[in-house]
Amino acid sequence: MDFEDVVRYFGRVQTAATALNLTRAGVYLWKQRGIPIATQCQIEIMTGGGLKADREKLMPFLRKAKRL
């Protein structure tokens, strides 16, 4: 998911920020930096899968967890 996906889903940056307990500025940073994978997972859970975390970014974490 990216910034535009989140804003489209929630309708406004402020609504997304409030739902995620973040500031609008924090959400706007995703435009430049991308959404951290942990936050993407949180959003995926919050939206019941309405938005999906980027599986390619998640793969290194999943591989590491399998080894443990």
Protein backbone atom coordinates (compact mmCIF):
# COMPACT_ATOMS: atom_id res chain seq x y z
CA MET A 1 0.00 0.00 0.00
CA ASP A 2 1.08 3.56 -0.42
CA PHE A 3 0.07 7.02 0.79
CA GLU A 4 -2.61 7.44 -1.86
CA ASP A 5 -4.19 4.08 -1.01
CA VAL A 6 -4.48 5.03 2.66
CA VAL A 7 -5.93 8.48 1.96
CA ARG A 8 -8.40 7.02 -0.55
CA TYR A 9 -9.52 4.38 1.96
CA PHE A 10 -9.94 6.77 4.90
CA GLY A 11 -11.18 9.68 2.77
CA ARG A 12 -8.83 12.33 4.21
CA VAL A 13 -5.34 12.54 5.68
CA GLN A 14 -6.77 13.79 8.99
CA THR A 15 -9.13 10.81 9.24
CA ALA A 16 -6.28 8.38 8.61
CA ALA A 17 -4.08 10.16 11.14
CA THR A 18 -6.81 10.07 13.79
CA ALA A 19 -7.55 6.38 13.18
CA LEU A 20 -3.84 5.53 13.51
CA ASN A 21 -3.22 7.90 16.42
CA LEU A 22 -0.71 9.90 14.36
CA THR A 23 -0.33 13.51 13.31
CA ARG A 24 -1.23 14.67 9.82
CA ALA A 25 2.45 15.54 9.33
CA GLY A 26 3.40 11.97 10.21
CA VAL A 27 1.03 10.61 7.60
CA TYR A 28 2.25 13.12 4.99
CA LEU A 29 5.81 11.84 5.53
CA TRP A 30 4.70 8.56 3.98
CA LYS A 31 4.45 10.39 0.67
CA GLN A 32 8.23 10.79 0.63
CA ARG A 33 9.46 7.88 2.75
CA GLY A 34 6.83 5.22 2.21
CA ILE A 35 4.79 3.59 4.94
CA PRO A 36 6.82 1.56 7.45
CA ILE A 37 6.06 -2.15 7.14
CA ALA A 38 4.90 -2.44 10.77
CA THR A 39 2.43 0.39 10.16
CA GLN A 40 1.25 -1.29 6.97
CA CYS A 41 0.54 -4.46 8.96
CA GLN A 42 -1.37 -2.41 11.54
CA ILE A 43 -3.42 -0.77 8.78
CA GLU A 44 -4.14 -4.14 7.14
CA ILE A 45 -5.48 -5.48 10.44
CA MET A 46 -7.47 -2.29 11.16
CA THR A 47 -9.10 -2.35 7.74
CA GLY A 48 -9.88 -6.07 7.87
CA GLY A 49 -7.74 -6.58 4.77
CA GLY A 50 -9.27 -3.64 2.93
CA LEU A 51 -5.69 -2.45 2.48
CA LYS A 52 -2.86 -4.97 2.19
CA ALA A 53 0.70 -4.64 3.47
CA ASP A 54 3.39 -4.81 0.79
CA ARG A 55 4.28 -8.52 0.79
CA GLU A 56 7.66 -7.93 -0.86
CA LYS A 57 8.72 -5.65 1.99
CA LEU A 58 7.32 -8.13 4.48
CA MET A 59 9.14 -11.19 3.10
CA PRO A 60 12.50 -10.64 4.89
CA PHE A 61 10.63 -10.51 8.21
CA LEU A 62 8.68 -13.66 7.40
CA ARG A 63 11.83 -15.56 6.38
CA LYS A 64 13.56 -14.52 9.61
CA ALA A 65 10.57 -15.61 11.69
CA LYS A 66 10.55 -19.04 9.99
CA ARG A 67 14.16 -19.62 11.07
CA LEU A 68 13.41 -18.90 14.74
